[in-house]
Amino acid sequence: MPDTAAASPLVVTPPHRELLDQILDKWSLAVLNELCERPCRFNELRRAIPVVTQKSLTATLRRLERNGIVERVLLSSRPVAVEYRITALGKTLRHPVEVLLAWAGTAMPRIERARDRFDAAEAAELSR
């Protein structure tokens, strides 16, 4: 892996942080995972992600819609139904997320070892 010390500094501005917090939280990733496969109605998403509450799913969909990642489409049916779809902008998130997942997969053994060392040091510190 190349040394990043000479690379330009990583600058995360408040607007970047806010956006990343909104699109990379656990419910957003779960919703995007489902919507990348197919458009879904609200209850389809609830069934696909059973651990999410109705309130959290509603808030997540609203944030993703506000950021242009997901669109809410009214279907012409009786009763009126709503379907959520990933937008063209939302589809552009797939590659960066796949890169992060690949990194996590590669780094996970080192991360687990670091966690084990940290937890052992914490336990030793607490037992003193």
Protein backbone atom coordinates (compact mmCIF):
# COMPACT_ATOMS: atom_id res chain seq x y z
CA MET A 1 0.00 0.00 0.00
CA PRO A 2 1.43 3.42 -0.90
CA ASP A 3 2.49 5.82 1.83
CA THR A 4 -0.14 8.53 2.11
CA ALA A 5 2.03 10.86 4.20
CA ALA A 6 3.00 12.85 1.10
CA ALA A 7 -0.57 12.97 -0.22
CA SER A 8 -2.67 16.07 0.10
CA PRO A 9 -4.32 16.49 3.50
CA LEU A 10 -7.70 14.88 4.06
CA VAL A 11 -10.17 17.71 4.58
CA VAL A 12 -13.60 16.83 5.90
CA THR A 13 -15.66 19.99 6.07
CA PRO A 14 -18.87 20.23 8.10
CA PRO A 15 -21.04 19.91 4.95
CA HIS A 16 -19.10 16.77 3.95
CA ARG A 17 -19.43 15.33 7.45
CA GLU A 18 -23.18 16.02 7.51
CA LEU A 19 -23.70 14.38 4.12
CA LEU A 20 -21.57 11.33 4.96
CA ASP A 21 -23.38 10.93 8.28
CA GLN A 22 -26.69 10.98 6.43
CA ILE A 23 -25.85 8.57 3.60
CA LEU A 24 -23.50 6.12 5.31
CA ASP A 25 -25.37 5.32 8.50
CA LYS A 26 -26.53 1.73 9.04
CA TRP A 27 -30.13 2.25 7.92
CA SER A 28 -29.20 4.22 4.80
CA LEU A 29 -26.82 1.49 3.68
CA ALA A 30 -29.48 -1.17 4.28
CA VAL A 31 -32.08 0.84 2.34
CA LEU A 32 -29.66 1.49 -0.52
CA ASN A 33 -28.78 -2.19 -0.60
CA GLU A 34 -32.46 -3.02 -1.16
CA LEU A 35 -33.20 -0.20 -3.60
CA CYS A 36 -30.16 -1.01 -5.75
CA GLU A 37 -31.87 -4.31 -6.50
CA ARG A 38 -35.35 -2.96 -7.26
CA PRO A 39 -37.83 -0.20 -6.37
CA CYS A 40 -39.73 -0.95 -3.15
CA ARG A 41 -42.78 0.21 -1.30
CA PHE A 42 -42.37 1.22 2.33
CA ASN A 43 -43.67 -2.06 3.77
CA GLU A 44 -41.44 -4.06 1.42
CA LEU A 45 -38.48 -2.20 2.89
CA ARG A 46 -39.77 -2.87 6.42
CA ARG A 47 -39.95 -6.59 5.67
CA ALA A 48 -36.52 -6.59 4.01
CA ILE A 49 -34.97 -4.76 6.99
CA PRO A 50 -36.98 -6.15 9.92
CA VAL A 51 -34.83 -4.59 12.67
CA VAL A 52 -35.50 -1.01 11.55
CA THR A 53 -38.37 0.81 13.23
CA GLN A 54 -41.03 2.57 11.19
CA LYS A 55 -39.85 5.92 12.56
CA SER A 56 -36.20 5.26 11.66
CA LEU A 57 -37.07 4.00 8.18
CA THR A 58 -39.24 7.05 7.52
CA ALA A 59 -36.48 9.41 8.69
CA THR A 60 -33.88 7.54 6.61
CA LEU A 61 -35.98 7.67 3.45
CA ARG A 62 -36.63 11.39 3.96
CA ARG A 63 -32.90 12.13 4.39
CA LEU A 64 -32.00 10.10 1.32
CA GLU A 65 -34.75 11.81 -0.67
CA ARG A 66 -33.64 15.26 0.51
CA ASN A 67 -30.09 14.49 -0.66
CA GLY A 68 -31.28 13.31 -4.07
CA ILE A 69 -30.22 9.71 -3.47
CA VAL A 70 -33.73 8.23 -3.43
CA GLU A 71 -36.92 9.36 -5.09
CA ARG A 72 -40.45 8.89 -3.86
CA VAL A 73 -42.86 8.00 -6.65
CA LEU A 74 -46.65 8.09 -6.31
CA LEU A 75 -48.19 5.11 -8.06
CA SER A 76 -51.55 5.50 -9.74
CA SER A 77 -53.43 2.87 -7.83
CA ARG A 78 -56.31 2.68 -5.41
CA PRO A 79 -55.49 3.21 -2.64
CA VAL A 80 -52.64 5.50 -3.56
CA ALA A 81 -49.29 3.80 -3.07
CA VAL A 82 -45.75 5.13 -2.84
CA GLU A 83 -42.66 3.46 -4.19
CA TYR A 84 -39.06 4.38 -3.44
CA ARG A 85 -36.40 4.18 -6.12
CA ILE A 86 -32.71 4.88 -6.20
CA THR A 87 -31.83 7.88 -8.39
CA ALA A 88 -29.04 8.16 -10.93
CA LEU A 89 -27.09 10.10 -8.29
CA GLY A 90 -27.76 7.34 -5.76
CA LYS A 91 -26.41 4.74 -8.17
CA THR A 92 -23.08 6.57 -8.20
CA LEU A 93 -22.66 5.64 -4.51
CA ARG A 94 -22.30 1.96 -5.35
CA HIS A 95 -18.63 2.11 -6.38
CA PRO A 96 -17.35 4.10 -3.36
CA VAL A 97 -19.29 1.84 -0.99
CA GLU A 98 -17.88 -1.26 -2.72
CA VAL A 99 -14.36 0.20 -2.31
CA LEU A 100 -14.97 0.74 1.43
CA LEU A 101 -16.35 -2.79 1.80
CA ALA A 102 -13.35 -4.24 -0.03
CA TRP A 103 -11.01 -2.27 2.24
CA ALA A 104 -12.91 -3.52 5.31
CA GLY A 105 -12.71 -7.09 4.08
CA THR A 106 -8.96 -6.83 3.55
CA ALA A 107 -8.27 -4.93 6.77
CA MET A 108 -10.60 -6.88 9.05
CA PRO A 109 -7.98 -9.35 10.38
CA ARG A 110 -5.69 -6.45 11.35
CA ILE A 111 -8.62 -4.54 12.84
CA GLU A 112 -9.67 -7.57 14.90
CA ARG A 113 -6.11 -7.96 16.22
CA ALA A 114 -6.00 -4.25 17.10
CA ARG A 115 -9.35 -4.54 18.89
CA ASP A 116 -8.13 -7.57 20.82
CA ARG A 117 -4.94 -5.72 21.89
CA PHE A 118 -6.94 -2.64 22.89
CA ASP A 119 -9.53 -4.66 24.84
CA ALA A 120 -6.79 -6.62 26.63
CA ALA A 121 -4.99 -3.39 27.58
CA GLU A 122 -8.28 -1.86 28.80
CA ALA A 123 -9.04 -4.96 30.88
CA ALA A 124 -5.52 -4.89 32.34
CA GLU A 125 -5.89 -1.21 33.16
CA LEU A 126 -9.25 -1.75 34.87
CA SER A 127 -7.92 -4.65 36.95
CA ARG A 128 -5.15 -2.51 38.48
